[in-house]
PDB file of N, CA and C in Angstrom:
ATOM      1  N   MET A   1      22.866  -2.004 -18.949  1.00  0.00           N
ATOM      2  CA  MET A   1      21.675  -2.793 -18.660  1.00  0.00           C
ATOM      3  C   MET A   1      22.047  -4.260 -18.696  1.00  0.00           C
ATOM      4  N   GLY A   2      21.608  -4.997 -17.690  1.00  0.00           N
ATOM      5  CA  GLY A   2      21.898  -6.426 -17.622  1.00  0.00           C
ATOM      6  C   GLY A   2      20.951  -7.227 -18.482  1.00  0.00           C
ATOM      7  N   THR A   3      21.242  -8.497 -18.583  1.00  0.00           N
ATOM      8  CA  THR A   3      20.401  -9.402 -19.341  1.00  0.00           C
ATOM      9  C   THR A   3      19.253  -9.862 -18.458  1.00  0.00           C
ATOM     10  N   PRO A   4      18.017  -9.768 -18.937  1.00  0.00           N
ATOM     11  CA  PRO A   4      16.890 -10.231 -18.122  1.00  0.00           C
ATOM     12  C   PRO A   4      17.018 -11.729 -17.846  1.00  0.00           C
ATOM     13  N   GLU A   5      16.688 -12.118 -16.625  1.00  0.00           N
ATOM     14  CA  GLU A   5      16.684 -13.532 -16.263  1.00  0.00           C
ATOM     15  C   GLU A   5      15.246 -13.915 -15.974  1.00  0.00           C
ATOM     16  N   PRO A   6      14.648 -14.736 -16.837  1.00  0.00           N
ATOM     17  CA  PRO A   6      13.236 -15.061 -16.648  1.00  0.00           C
ATOM     18  C   PRO A   6      13.012 -15.967 -15.438  1.00  0.00           C
ATOM     19  N   ILE A   7      11.938 -15.689 -14.716  1.00  0.00           N
ATOM     20  CA  ILE A   7      11.465 -16.557 -13.647  1.00  0.00           C
ATOM     21  C   ILE A   7       9.957 -16.658 -13.791  1.00  0.00           C
ATOM     22  N   TYR A   8       9.380 -17.704 -13.253  1.00  0.00           N
ATOM     23  CA  TYR A   8       7.936 -17.878 -13.330  1.00  0.00           C
ATOM     24  C   TYR A   8       7.258 -16.969 -12.312  1.00  0.00           C
ATOM     25  N   VAL A   9       6.300 -16.191 -12.795  1.00  0.00           N
ATOM     26  CA  VAL A   9       5.525 -15.269 -11.964  1.00  0.00           C
ATOM     27  C   VAL A   9       4.065 -15.711 -12.043  1.00  0.00           C
ATOM     28  N   PRO A  10       3.380 -15.806 -10.906  1.00  0.00           N
ATOM     29  CA  PRO A  10       1.973 -16.206 -10.943  1.00  0.00           C
ATOM     30  C   PRO A  10       1.148 -15.276 -11.824  1.00  0.00           C
ATOM     31  N   ASP A  11       0.181 -15.848 -12.535  1.00  0.00           N
ATOM     32  CA  ASP A  11      -0.707 -15.049 -13.379  1.00  0.00           C
ATOM     33  C   ASP A  11      -1.373 -13.957 -12.555  1.00  0.00           C
ATOM     34  N   GLY A  12      -1.460 -12.781 -13.138  1.00  0.00           N
ATOM     35  CA  GLY A  12      -2.132 -11.664 -12.500  1.00  0.00           C
ATOM     36  C   GLY A  12      -1.319 -10.934 -11.445  1.00  0.00           C
ATOM     37  N   VAL A  13      -0.070 -11.351 -11.224  1.00  0.00           N
ATOM     38  CA  VAL A  13       0.778 -10.714 -10.215  1.00  0.00           C
ATOM     39  C   VAL A  13       1.706  -9.726 -10.902  1.00  0.00           C
ATOM     40  N   ASN A  14       1.758  -8.507 -10.376  1.00  0.00           N
ATOM     41  CA  ASN A  14       2.629  -7.471 -10.910  1.00  0.00           C
ATOM     42  C   ASN A  14       3.762  -7.239  -9.913  1.00  0.00           C
ATOM     43  N   PRO A  15       4.968  -7.755 -10.183  1.00  0.00           N
ATOM     44  CA  PRO A  15       6.054  -7.609  -9.209  1.00  0.00           C
ATOM     45  C   PRO A  15       6.463  -6.155  -8.958  1.00  0.00           C
ATOM     46  N   GLN A  16       6.247  -5.272  -9.922  1.00  0.00           N
ATOM     47  CA  GLN A  16       6.594  -3.865  -9.709  1.00  0.00           C
ATOM     48  C   GLN A  16       5.706  -3.251  -8.616  1.00  0.00           C
ATOM     49  N   LYS A  17       4.483  -3.759  -8.469  1.00  0.00           N
ATOM     50  CA  LYS A  17       3.581  -3.274  -7.417  1.00  0.00           C
ATOM     51  C   LYS A  17       4.213  -3.491  -6.041  1.00  0.00           C
ATOM     52  N   PHE A  18       4.895  -4.620  -5.847  1.00  0.00           N
ATOM     53  CA  PHE A  18       5.533  -4.893  -4.560  1.00  0.00           C
ATOM     54  C   PHE A  18       6.665  -3.896  -4.300  1.00  0.00           C
ATOM     55  N   VAL A  19       7.407  -3.578  -5.349  1.00  0.00           N
ATOM     56  CA  VAL A  19       8.487  -2.591  -5.218  1.00  0.00           C
ATOM     57  C   VAL A  19       7.892  -1.233  -4.861  1.00  0.00           C
ATOM     58  N   ASP A  20       6.839  -0.848  -5.556  1.00  0.00           N
ATOM     59  CA  ASP A  20       6.192   0.437  -5.273  1.00  0.00           C
ATOM     60  C   ASP A  20       5.679   0.489  -3.832  1.00  0.00           C
ATOM     61  N   GLU A  21       5.099  -0.616  -3.363  1.00  0.00           N
ATOM     62  CA  GLU A  21       4.608  -0.650  -1.983  1.00  0.00           C
ATOM     63  C   GLU A  21       5.768  -0.589  -0.988  1.00  0.00           C
ATOM     64  N   GLY A  22       6.868  -1.258  -1.297  1.00  0.00           N
ATOM     65  CA  GLY A  22       8.046  -1.196  -0.429  1.00  0.00           C
ATOM     66  C   GLY A  22       8.593   0.214  -0.329  1.00  0.00           C
ATOM     67  N   MET A  23       8.562   0.945  -1.437  1.00  0.00           N
ATOM     68  CA  MET A  23       9.052   2.323  -1.429  1.00  0.00           C
ATOM     69  C   MET A  23       8.185   3.218  -0.558  1.00  0.00           C
ATOM     70  N   GLY A  24       6.942   2.818  -0.344  1.00  0.00           N
ATOM     71  CA  GLY A  24       6.036   3.594   0.489  1.00  0.00           C
ATOM     72  C   GLY A  24       6.182   3.306   1.977  1.00  0.00           C
ATOM     73  N   MET A  25       7.027   2.346   2.327  1.00  0.00           N
ATOM     74  CA  MET A  25       7.237   2.017   3.738  1.00  0.00           C
ATOM     75  C   MET A  25       8.293   2.939   4.332  1.00  0.00           C
ATOM     76  N   SER A  26       8.359   2.974   5.645  1.00  0.00           N
ATOM     77  CA  SER A  26       9.384   3.757   6.345  1.00  0.00           C
ATOM     78  C   SER A  26      10.743   3.169   6.011  1.00  0.00           C
ATOM     79  N   GLN A  27      11.522   3.879   5.240  1.00  0.00           N
ATOM     80  CA  GLN A  27      12.764   3.377   4.677  1.00  0.00           C
ATOM     81  C   GLN A  27      13.789   2.953   5.724  1.00  0.00           C
ATOM     82  N   GLY A  28      14.222   1.679   5.632  1.00  0.00           N
ATOM     83  CA  GLY A  28      15.308   1.170   6.442  1.00  0.00           C
ATOM     84  C   GLY A  28      15.001   0.992   7.916  1.00  0.00           C
ATOM     85  N   THR A  29      13.744   1.034   8.281  1.00  0.00           N
ATOM     86  CA  THR A  29      13.391   0.920   9.700  1.00  0.00           C
ATOM     87  C   THR A  29      13.058  -0.520  10.066  1.00  0.00           C
ATOM     88  N   ILE A  30      13.053  -0.777  11.348  1.00  0.00           N
ATOM     89  CA  ILE A  30      12.638  -2.092  11.840  1.00  0.00           C
ATOM     90  C   ILE A  30      11.202  -2.372  11.414  1.00  0.00           C
ATOM     91  N   SER A  31      10.344  -1.363  11.429  1.00  0.00           N
ATOM     92  CA  SER A  31       8.945  -1.602  11.058  1.00  0.00           C
ATOM     93  C   SER A  31       8.817  -2.042   9.602  1.00  0.00           C
ATOM     94  N   SER A  32       9.627  -1.476   8.704  1.00  0.00           N
ATOM     95  CA  SER A  32       9.539  -1.923   7.311  1.00  0.00           C
ATOM     96  C   SER A  32      10.097  -3.341   7.168  1.00  0.00           C
ATOM     97  N   LEU A  33      11.126  -3.670   7.926  1.00  0.00           N
ATOM     98  CA  LEU A  33      11.688  -5.025   7.892  1.00  0.00           C
ATOM     99  C   LEU A  33      10.661  -6.039   8.387  1.00  0.00           C
ATOM    100  N   VAL A  34       9.968  -5.697   9.463  1.00  0.00           N
ATOM    101  CA  VAL A  34       8.937  -6.582  10.009  1.00  0.00           C
ATOM    102  C   VAL A  34       7.776  -6.725   9.023  1.00  0.00           C
ATOM    103  N   LYS A  35       7.376  -5.618   8.401  1.00  0.00           N
ATOM    104  CA  LYS A  35       6.246  -5.681   7.455  1.00  0.00           C
ATOM    105  C   LYS A  35       6.586  -6.547   6.247  1.00  0.00           C
ATOM    106  N   VAL A  36       7.777  -6.386   5.680  1.00  0.00           N
ATOM    107  CA  VAL A  36       8.167  -7.208   4.533  1.00  0.00           C
ATOM    108  C   VAL A  36       8.223  -8.678   4.955  1.00  0.00           C
ATOM    109  N   GLY A  37       8.801  -8.942   6.118  1.00  0.00           N
ATOM    110  CA  GLY A  37       8.842 -10.315   6.619  1.00  0.00           C
ATOM    111  C   GLY A  37       7.455 -10.901   6.802  1.00  0.00           C
ATOM    112  N   TYR A  38       6.527 -10.089   7.305  1.00  0.00           N
ATOM    113  CA  TYR A  38       5.148 -10.532   7.500  1.00  0.00           C
ATOM    114  C   TYR A  38       4.488 -10.881   6.164  1.00  0.00           C
ATOM    115  N   LEU A  39       4.647 -10.025   5.180  1.00  0.00           N
ATOM    116  CA  LEU A  39       3.993 -10.230   3.888  1.00  0.00           C
ATOM    117  C   LEU A  39       4.487 -11.486   3.173  1.00  0.00           C
ATOM    118  N   TRP A  40       5.790 -11.787   3.291  1.00  0.00           N
ATOM    119  CA  TRP A  40       6.391 -12.890   2.540  1.00  0.00           C
ATOM    120  C   TRP A  40       6.604 -14.139   3.390  1.00  0.00           C
ATOM    121  N   ARG A  41       6.123 -14.157   4.616  1.00  0.00           N
ATOM    122  CA  ARG A  41       6.333 -15.306   5.507  1.00  0.00           C
ATOM    123  C   ARG A  41       5.617 -16.547   4.969  1.00  0.00           C
ATOM    124  N   PRO A  42       6.025 -17.733   5.437  1.00  0.00           N
ATOM    125  CA  PRO A  42       5.287 -18.942   5.056  1.00  0.00           C
ATOM    126  C   PRO A  42       3.810 -18.812   5.435  1.00  0.00           C
ATOM    127  N   LYS A  43       2.966 -19.135   4.488  1.00  0.00           N
ATOM    128  CA  LYS A  43       1.502 -19.035   4.611  1.00  0.00           C
ATOM    129  C   LYS A  43       1.022 -17.594   4.699  1.00  0.00           C
ATOM    130  N   GLY A  44       1.885 -16.641   4.390  1.00  0.00           N
ATOM    131  CA  GLY A  44       1.506 -15.234   4.389  1.00  0.00           C
ATOM    132  C   GLY A  44       0.849 -14.851   3.072  1.00  0.00           C
ATOM    133  N   PRO A  45       0.429 -13.595   2.963  1.00  0.00           N
ATOM    134  CA  PRO A  45      -0.288 -13.157   1.771  1.00  0.00           C
ATOM    135  C   PRO A  45       0.525 -13.215   0.474  1.00  0.00           C
ATOM    136  N   ARG A  46       1.858 -13.243   0.586  1.00  0.00           N
ATOM    137  CA  ARG A  46       2.692 -13.293  -0.623  1.00  0.00           C
ATOM    138  C   ARG A  46       3.533 -14.567  -0.672  1.00  0.00           C
ATOM    139  N   ASP A  47       3.053 -15.615  -0.075  1.00  0.00           N
ATOM    140  CA  ASP A  47       3.764 -16.897  -0.087  1.00  0.00           C
ATOM    141  C   ASP A  47       3.388 -17.675  -1.348  1.00  0.00           C
ATOM    142  N   TYR A  48       3.885 -17.210  -2.475  1.00  0.00           N
ATOM    143  CA  TYR A  48       3.585 -17.844  -3.754  1.00  0.00           C
ATOM    144  C   TYR A  48       4.254 -19.208  -3.877  1.00  0.00           C
ATOM    145  N   LYS A  49       5.328 -19.435  -3.115  1.00  0.00           N
ATOM    146  CA  LYS A  49       6.039 -20.710  -3.147  1.00  0.00           C
ATOM    147  C   LYS A  49       5.118 -21.867  -2.786  1.00  0.00           C
ATOM    148  N   ARG A  50       4.231 -21.638  -1.856  1.00  0.00           N
ATOM    149  CA  ARG A  50       3.324 -22.713  -1.422  1.00  0.00           C
ATOM    150  C   ARG A  50       2.212 -22.954  -2.432  1.00  0.00           C
ATOM    151  N   GLN A  51       1.914 -21.974  -3.268  1.00  0.00           N
ATOM    152  CA  GLN A  51       0.909 -22.176  -4.306  1.00  0.00           C
ATOM    153  C   GLN A  51       1.394 -23.206  -5.313  1.00  0.00           C
ATOM    154  N   ASN A  52       2.670 -23.079  -5.662  1.00  0.00           N
ATOM    155  CA  ASN A  52       3.257 -23.984  -6.646  1.00  0.00           C
ATOM    156  C   ASN A  52       4.769 -23.846  -6.543  1.00  0.00           C
ATOM    157  N   PRO A  53       5.497 -24.951  -6.431  1.00  0.00           N
ATOM    158  CA  PRO A  53       6.957 -24.868  -6.305  1.00  0.00           C
ATOM    159  C   PRO A  53       7.647 -24.151  -7.473  1.00  0.00           C
ATOM    160  N   ILE A  54       6.972 -24.039  -8.601  1.00  0.00           N
ATOM    161  CA  ILE A  54       7.573 -23.352  -9.747  1.00  0.00           C
ATOM    162  C   ILE A  54       7.794 -21.865  -9.435  1.00  0.00           C
ATOM    163  N   TYR A  55       7.104 -21.340  -8.415  1.00  0.00           N
ATOM    164  CA  TYR A  55       7.233 -19.936  -8.034  1.00  0.00           C
ATOM    165  C   TYR A  55       8.276 -19.704  -6.943  1.00  0.00           C
ATOM    166  N   ASP A  56       9.084 -20.706  -6.631  1.00  0.00           N
ATOM    167  CA  ASP A  56      10.083 -20.576  -5.576  1.00  0.00           C
ATOM    168  C   ASP A  56      11.033 -19.400  -5.837  1.00  0.00           C
ATOM    169  N   ALA A  57      11.592 -19.330  -7.036  1.00  0.00           N
ATOM    170  CA  ALA A  57      12.531 -18.238  -7.359  1.00  0.00           C
ATOM    171  C   ALA A  57      11.834 -16.889  -7.267  1.00  0.00           C
ATOM    172  N   PHE A  58      10.594 -16.814  -7.748  1.00  0.00           N
ATOM    173  CA  PHE A  58       9.859 -15.550  -7.671  1.00  0.00           C
ATOM    174  C   PHE A  58       9.629 -15.131  -6.219  1.00  0.00           C
ATOM    175  N   GLY A  59       9.282 -16.084  -5.358  1.00  0.00           N
ATOM    176  CA  GLY A  59       9.059 -15.759  -3.954  1.00  0.00           C
ATOM    177  C   GLY A  59      10.290 -15.145  -3.312  1.00  0.00           C
ATOM    178  N   ASN A  60      11.447 -15.724  -3.579  1.00  0.00           N
ATOM    179  CA  ASN A  60      12.694 -15.188  -3.025  1.00  0.00           C
ATOM    180  C   ASN A  60      13.046 -13.846  -3.654  1.00  0.00           C
ATOM    181  N   PHE A  61      12.935 -13.764  -4.977  1.00  0.00           N
ATOM    182  CA  PHE A  61      13.246 -12.535  -5.692  1.00  0.00           C
ATOM    183  C   PHE A  61      12.324 -11.399  -5.222  1.00  0.00           C
ATOM    184  N   GLY A  62      11.022 -11.677  -5.146  1.00  0.00           N
ATOM    185  CA  GLY A  62      10.063 -10.660  -4.723  1.00  0.00           C
ATOM    186  C   GLY A  62      10.320 -10.180  -3.301  1.00  0.00           C
ATOM    187  N   PHE A  63      10.669 -11.105  -2.423  1.00  0.00           N
ATOM    188  CA  PHE A  63      11.011 -10.762  -1.046  1.00  0.00           C
ATOM    189  C   PHE A  63      12.206  -9.806  -1.025  1.00  0.00           C
ATOM    190  N   GLY A  64      13.240 -10.141  -1.801  1.00  0.00           N
ATOM    191  CA  GLY A  64      14.423  -9.283  -1.863  1.00  0.00           C
ATOM    192  C   GLY A  64      14.134  -7.935  -2.489  1.00  0.00           C
ATOM    193  N   ALA A  65      13.330  -7.935  -3.559  1.00  0.00           N
ATOM    194  CA  ALA A  65      13.012  -6.683  -4.250  1.00  0.00           C
ATOM    195  C   ALA A  65      12.180  -5.757  -3.363  1.00  0.00           C
ATOM    196  N   GLU A  66      11.143  -6.286  -2.729  1.00  0.00           N
ATOM    197  CA  GLU A  66      10.315  -5.432  -1.883  1.00  0.00           C
ATOM    198  C   GLU A  66      11.099  -4.984  -0.652  1.00  0.00           C
ATOM    199  N   GLY A  67      11.902  -5.893  -0.105  1.00  0.00           N
ATOM    200  CA  GLY A  67      12.734  -5.516   1.040  1.00  0.00           C
ATOM    201  C   GLY A  67      13.701  -4.402   0.697  1.00  0.00           C
ATOM    202  N   ALA A  68      14.346  -4.510  -0.469  1.00  0.00           N
ATOM    203  CA  ALA A  68      15.286  -3.467  -0.895  1.00  0.00           C
ATOM    204  C   ALA A  68      14.564  -2.145  -1.122  1.00  0.00           C
ATOM    205  N   ALA A  69      13.379  -2.212  -1.717  1.00  0.00           N
ATOM    206  CA  ALA A  69      12.600  -0.995  -1.945  1.00  0.00           C
ATOM    207  C   ALA A  69      12.211  -0.333  -0.625  1.00  0.00           C
ATOM    208  N   ALA A  70      12.105  -1.145   0.434  1.00  0.00           N
ATOM    209  CA  ALA A  70      11.773  -0.623   1.758  1.00  0.00           C
ATOM    210  C   ALA A  70      13.025  -0.186   2.520  1.00  0.00           C
ATOM    211  N   GLY A  71      14.175  -0.185   1.825  1.00  0.00           N
ATOM    212  CA  GLY A  71      15.405   0.318   2.432  1.00  0.00           C
ATOM    213  C   GLY A  71      16.220  -0.716   3.192  1.00  0.00           C
ATOM    214  N   GLN A  72      15.896  -1.989   3.001  1.00  0.00           N
ATOM    215  CA  GLN A  72      16.635  -3.055   3.688  1.00  0.00           C
ATOM    216  C   GLN A  72      17.798  -3.533   2.811  1.00  0.00           C
ATOM    217  N   THR A  73      18.783  -4.119   3.445  1.00  0.00           N
ATOM    218  CA  THR A  73      19.944  -4.645   2.726  1.00  0.00           C
ATOM    219  C   THR A  73      19.840  -6.160   2.612  1.00  0.00           C
ATOM    220  N   PHE A  74      20.674  -6.732   1.753  1.00  0.00           N
ATOM    221  CA  PHE A  74      20.725  -8.186   1.669  1.00  0.00           C
ATOM    222  C   PHE A  74      21.118  -8.776   3.015  1.00  0.00           C
ATOM    223  N   GLY A  75      21.982  -8.090   3.756  1.00  0.00           N
ATOM    224  CA  GLY A  75      22.377  -8.563   5.081  1.00  0.00           C
ATOM    225  C   GLY A  75      21.197  -8.705   6.031  1.00  0.00           C
ATOM    226  N   ASP A  76      20.175  -7.864   5.851  1.00  0.00           N
ATOM    227  CA  ASP A  76      18.968  -7.961   6.674  1.00  0.00           C
ATOM    228  C   ASP A  76      18.055  -9.092   6.216  1.00  0.00           C
ATOM    229  N   LEU A  77      18.064  -9.371   4.921  1.00  0.00           N
ATOM    230  CA  LEU A  77      17.082 -10.263   4.317  1.00  0.00           C
ATOM    231  C   LEU A  77      17.583 -11.681   4.065  1.00  0.00           C
ATOM    232  N   GLY A  78      18.859 -11.855   3.785  1.00  0.00           N
ATOM    233  CA  GLY A  78      19.393 -13.164   3.408  1.00  0.00           C
ATOM    234  C   GLY A  78      19.610 -14.074   4.601  1.00  0.00           C
ATOM    235  N   ALA A  79      20.140 -15.251   4.327  1.00  0.00           N
ATOM    236  CA  ALA A  79      20.419 -16.229   5.384  1.00  0.00           C
ATOM    237  C   ALA A  79      21.260 -15.579   6.466  1.00  0.00           C
ATOM    238  N   GLY A  80      20.854 -15.766   7.699  1.00  0.00           N
ATOM    239  CA  GLY A  80      21.582 -15.176   8.807  1.00  0.00           C
ATOM    240  C   GLY A  80      21.203 -13.732   9.068  1.00  0.00           C
ATOM    241  N   GLY A  81      20.341 -13.163   8.219  1.00  0.00           N
ATOM    242  CA  GLY A  81      19.922 -11.783   8.401  1.00  0.00           C
ATOM    243  C   GLY A  81      18.872 -11.669   9.488  1.00  0.00           C
ATOM    244  N   ASP A  82      18.415 -10.457   9.712  1.00  0.00           N
ATOM    245  CA  ASP A  82      17.436 -10.219  10.766  1.00  0.00           C
ATOM    246  C   ASP A  82      16.124 -10.962  10.525  1.00  0.00           C
ATOM    247  N   VAL A  83      15.740 -11.104   9.265  1.00  0.00           N
ATOM    248  CA  VAL A  83      14.501 -11.798   8.961  1.00  0.00           C
ATOM    249  C   VAL A  83      14.777 -13.256   8.606  1.00  0.00           C
ATOM    250  N   ALA A  84      15.952 -13.537   8.049  1.00  0.00           N
ATOM    251  CA  ALA A  84      16.311 -14.888   7.602  1.00  0.00           C
ATOM    252  C   ALA A  84      15.183 -15.493   6.784  1.00  0.00           C
ATOM    253  N   HIS A  85      14.692 -14.682   5.864  1.00  0.00           N
ATOM    254  CA  HIS A  85      13.588 -15.017   4.973  1.00  0.00           C
ATOM    255  C   HIS A  85      12.430 -15.667   5.712  1.00  0.00           C
ATOM    256  N   CYS A  86      12.016 -14.986   6.734  1.00  0.00           N
ATOM    257  CA  CYS A  86      10.759 -15.302   7.412  1.00  0.00           C
ATOM    258  C   CYS A  86      10.728 -16.718   7.958  1.00  0.00           C
ATOM    259  N   GLY A  87      11.856 -17.244   8.365  1.00  0.00           N
ATOM    260  CA  GLY A  87      11.882 -18.568   8.959  1.00  0.00           C
ATOM    261  C   GLY A  87      11.962 -19.704   7.952  1.00  0.00           C
ATOM    262  N   ASN A  88      11.980 -19.388   6.650  1.00  0.00           N
ATOM    263  CA  ASN A  88      12.143 -20.446   5.658  1.00  0.00           C
ATOM    264  C   ASN A  88      13.544 -21.021   5.742  1.00  0.00           C
ATOM    265  N   ARG A  89      13.688 -22.260   5.336  1.00  0.00           N
ATOM    266  CA  ARG A  89      15.021 -22.843   5.245  1.00  0.00           C
ATOM    267  C   ARG A  89      15.780 -22.076   4.172  1.00  0.00           C
ATOM    268  N   ASN A  90      16.883 -21.501   4.541  1.00  0.00           N
ATOM    269  CA  ASN A  90      17.672 -20.762   3.562  1.00  0.00           C
ATOM    270  C   ASN A  90      18.676 -21.684   2.917  1.00  0.00           C
ATOM    271  N   SER A  91      18.932 -21.441   1.689  1.00  0.00           N
ATOM    272  CA  SER A  91      19.918 -22.184   0.938  1.00  0.00           C
ATOM    273  C   SER A  91      20.668 -21.188   0.072  1.00  0.00           C
ATOM    274  N   GLN A  92      21.721 -21.653  -0.540  1.00  0.00           N
ATOM    275  CA  GLN A  92      22.469 -20.777  -1.449  1.00  0.00           C
ATOM    276  C   GLN A  92      21.586 -20.327  -2.605  1.00  0.00           C
ATOM    277  N   THR A  93      20.704 -21.202  -3.067  1.00  0.00           N
ATOM    278  CA  THR A  93      19.800 -20.829  -4.160  1.00  0.00           C
ATOM    279  C   THR A  93      18.833 -19.748  -3.704  1.00  0.00           C
ATOM    280  N   ASN A  94      18.230 -19.912  -2.536  1.00  0.00           N
ATOM    281  CA  ASN A  94      17.325 -18.876  -2.019  1.00  0.00           C
ATOM    282  C   ASN A  94      18.064 -17.556  -1.885  1.00  0.00           C
ATOM    283  N   ASP A  95      19.262 -17.613  -1.297  1.00  0.00           N
ATOM    284  CA  ASP A  95      20.033 -16.384  -1.120  1.00  0.00           C
ATOM    285  C   ASP A  95      20.381 -15.734  -2.452  1.00  0.00           C
ATOM    286  N   ARG A  96      20.704 -16.523  -3.456  1.00  0.00           N
ATOM    287  CA  ARG A  96      21.012 -15.964  -4.773  1.00  0.00           C
ATOM    288  C   ARG A  96      19.792 -15.238  -5.336  1.00  0.00           C
ATOM    289  N   ASP A  97      18.616 -15.838  -5.184  1.00  0.00           N
ATOM    290  CA  ASP A  97      17.392 -15.218  -5.696  1.00  0.00           C
ATOM    291  C   ASP A  97      17.019 -13.964  -4.898  1.00  0.00           C
ATOM    292  N   ILE A  98      17.196 -14.002  -3.575  1.00  0.00           N
ATOM    293  CA  ILE A  98      16.943 -12.815  -2.751  1.00  0.00           C
ATOM    294  C   ILE A  98      17.902 -11.697  -3.163  1.00  0.00           C
ATOM    295  N   ARG A  99      19.184 -12.037  -3.303  1.00  0.00           N
ATOM    296  CA  ARG A  99      20.182 -11.042  -3.703  1.00  0.00           C
ATOM    297  C   ARG A  99      19.845 -10.460  -5.075  1.00  0.00           C
ATOM    298  N   SER A 100      19.330 -11.280  -5.980  1.00  0.00           N
ATOM    299  CA  SER A 100      18.937 -10.778  -7.310  1.00  0.00           C
ATOM    300  C   SER A 100      17.851  -9.718  -7.195  1.00  0.00           C
ATOM    301  N   GLY A 101      16.881  -9.936  -6.320  1.00  0.00           N
ATOM    302  CA  GLY A 101      15.833  -8.940  -6.109  1.00  0.00           C
ATOM    303  C   GLY A 101      16.384  -7.660  -5.510  1.00  0.00           C
ATOM    304  N   VAL A 102      17.263  -7.799  -4.520  1.00  0.00           N
ATOM    305  CA  VAL A 102      17.891  -6.634  -3.896  1.00  0.00           C
ATOM    306  C   VAL A 102      18.705  -5.859  -4.928  1.00  0.00           C
ATOM    307  N   THR A 103      19.477  -6.585  -5.722  1.00  0.00           N
ATOM    308  CA  THR A 103      20.347  -5.965  -6.730  1.00  0.00           C
ATOM    309  C   THR A 103      19.528  -5.260  -7.809  1.00  0.00           C
ATOM    310  N   ALA A 104      18.453  -5.893  -8.276  1.00  0.00           N
ATOM    311  CA  ALA A 104      17.627  -5.290  -9.330  1.00  0.00           C
ATOM    312  C   ALA A 104      17.055  -3.957  -8.878  1.00  0.00           C
ATOM    313  N   VAL A 105      16.558  -3.903  -7.657  1.00  0.00           N
ATOM    314  CA  VAL A 105      15.983  -2.659  -7.145  1.00  0.00           C
ATOM    315  C   VAL A 105      17.084  -1.643  -6.873  1.00  0.00           C
ATOM    316  N   GLY A 106      18.200  -2.101  -6.323  1.00  0.00           N
ATOM    317  CA  GLY A 106      19.317  -1.200  -6.037  1.00  0.00           C
ATOM    318  C   GLY A 106      19.891  -0.559  -7.292  1.00  0.00           C
ATOM    319  N   ALA A 107      19.779  -1.264  -8.416  1.00  0.00           N
ATOM    320  CA  ALA A 107      20.280  -0.741  -9.682  1.00  0.00           C
ATOM    321  C   ALA A 107      19.236   0.116 -10.392  1.00  0.00           C
ATOM    322  N   GLY A 108      18.087   0.306  -9.745  1.00  0.00           N
ATOM    323  CA  GLY A 108      17.046   1.139 -10.347  1.00  0.00           C
ATOM    324  C   GLY A 108      16.202   0.413 -11.369  1.00  0.00           C
ATOM    325  N   GLY A 109      16.223  -0.919 -11.327  1.00  0.00           N
ATOM    326  CA  GLY A 109      15.470  -1.703 -12.300  1.00  0.00           C
ATOM    327  C   GLY A 109      13.970  -1.591 -12.097  1.00  0.00           C
ATOM    328  N   THR A 110      13.249  -1.760 -13.184  1.00  0.00           N
ATOM    329  CA  THR A 110      11.798  -1.835 -13.162  1.00  0.00           C
ATOM    330  C   THR A 110      11.436  -3.276 -13.473  1.00  0.00           C
ATOM    331  N   LEU A 111      10.584  -3.855 -12.670  1.00  0.00           N
ATOM    332  CA  LEU A 111      10.218  -5.254 -12.850  1.00  0.00           C
ATOM    333  C   LEU A 111       9.041  -5.364 -13.794  1.00  0.00           C
ATOM    334  N   SER A 112       9.059  -6.403 -14.600  1.00  0.00           N
ATOM    335  CA  SER A 112       7.963  -6.598 -15.546  1.00  0.00           C
ATOM    336  C   SER A 112       7.635  -8.079 -15.628  1.00  0.00           C
ATOM    337  N   THR A 113       6.554  -8.364 -16.290  1.00  0.00           N
ATOM    338  CA  THR A 113       6.151  -9.751 -16.512  1.00  0.00           C
ATOM    339  C   THR A 113       6.124 -10.071 -18.000  1.00  0.00           C
ATOM    340  N   THR A 114       7.025  -9.473 -18.743  1.00  0.00           N
ATOM    341  CA  THR A 114       7.123  -9.781 -20.161  1.00  0.00           C
ATOM    342  C   THR A 114       7.442 -11.249 -20.319  1.00  0.00           C
ATOM    343  N   HIS A 115       6.658 -11.935 -21.126  1.00  0.00           N
ATOM    344  CA  HIS A 115       6.849 -13.381 -21.279  1.00  0.00           C
ATOM    345  C   HIS A 115       8.012 -13.679 -22.226  1.00  0.00           C
ATOM    346  N   VAL A 116       8.852 -14.580 -21.790  1.00  0.00           N
ATOM    347  CA  VAL A 116       9.947 -15.076 -22.618  1.00  0.00           C
ATOM    348  C   VAL A 116       9.776 -16.579 -22.693  1.00  0.00           C
ATOM    349  N   ASN A 117       9.730 -17.136 -23.910  1.00  0.00           N
ATOM    350  CA  ASN A 117       9.625 -18.592 -24.036  1.00  0.00           C
ATOM    351  C   ASN A 117      10.884 -19.262 -23.544  1.00  0.00           C
ATOM    352  N   CYS A 118      10.702 -20.250 -22.709  1.00  0.00           N
ATOM    353  CA  CYS A 118      11.814 -21.060 -22.224  1.00  0.00           C
ATOM    354  C   CYS A 118      12.070 -22.174 -23.227  1.00  0.00           C
ATOM    355  N   PRO A 119      13.265 -22.772 -23.203  1.00  0.00           N
ATOM    356  CA  PRO A 119      13.541 -23.878 -24.131  1.00  0.00           C
ATOM    357  C   PRO A 119      12.463 -24.948 -24.053  1.00  0.00           C
ATOM    358  N   GLY A 120      11.948 -25.330 -25.185  1.00  0.00           N
ATOM    359  CA  GLY A 120      10.931 -26.368 -25.267  1.00  0.00           C
ATOM    360  C   GLY A 120       9.517 -25.881 -25.019  1.00  0.00           C
ATOM    361  N   GLU A 121       9.338 -24.597 -24.727  1.00  0.00           N
ATOM    362  CA  GLU A 121       8.020 -24.062 -24.431  1.00  0.00           C
ATOM    363  C   GLU A 121       7.440 -23.405 -25.679  1.00  0.00           C
ATOM    364  N   SER A 122       6.173 -23.646 -25.907  1.00  0.00           N
ATOM    365  CA  SER A 122       5.503 -22.916 -26.986  1.00  0.00           C
ATOM    366  C   SER A 122       4.297 -22.220 -26.385  1.00  0.00           C
ATOM    367  N   ARG A 123       4.089 -21.016 -26.825  1.00  0.00           N
ATOM    368  CA  ARG A 123       2.984 -20.238 -26.278  1.00  0.00           C
ATOM    369  C   ARG A 123       2.401 -19.383 -27.343  1.00  0.00           C
TER     370      ARG A 123
END
């Protein structure tokens, strides 16, 4: 088991729900790739990055996790891939976060929103 890496997740959002929904899509098909791209596109229903920049890592991670659950590879989802993260500017950081989502799902991980205090944070 790897070490959890905390990222900011919007209140009330369950990232495992996205994985479960991805698993319900036609695995590895163009239609599932298009659907994941549609859901996570800029100004789309899962564009949490635009709500607040603090959710940037979550947006990339969630895109990768749901895409992987739908049978897509990092090659389909990352920079230069078929979706190229829905037209967003790709960077090494975005690709790292997308790959983390793909890897977590590929390793059979379950996503959670367990709160971990960050340095200097009190809750």
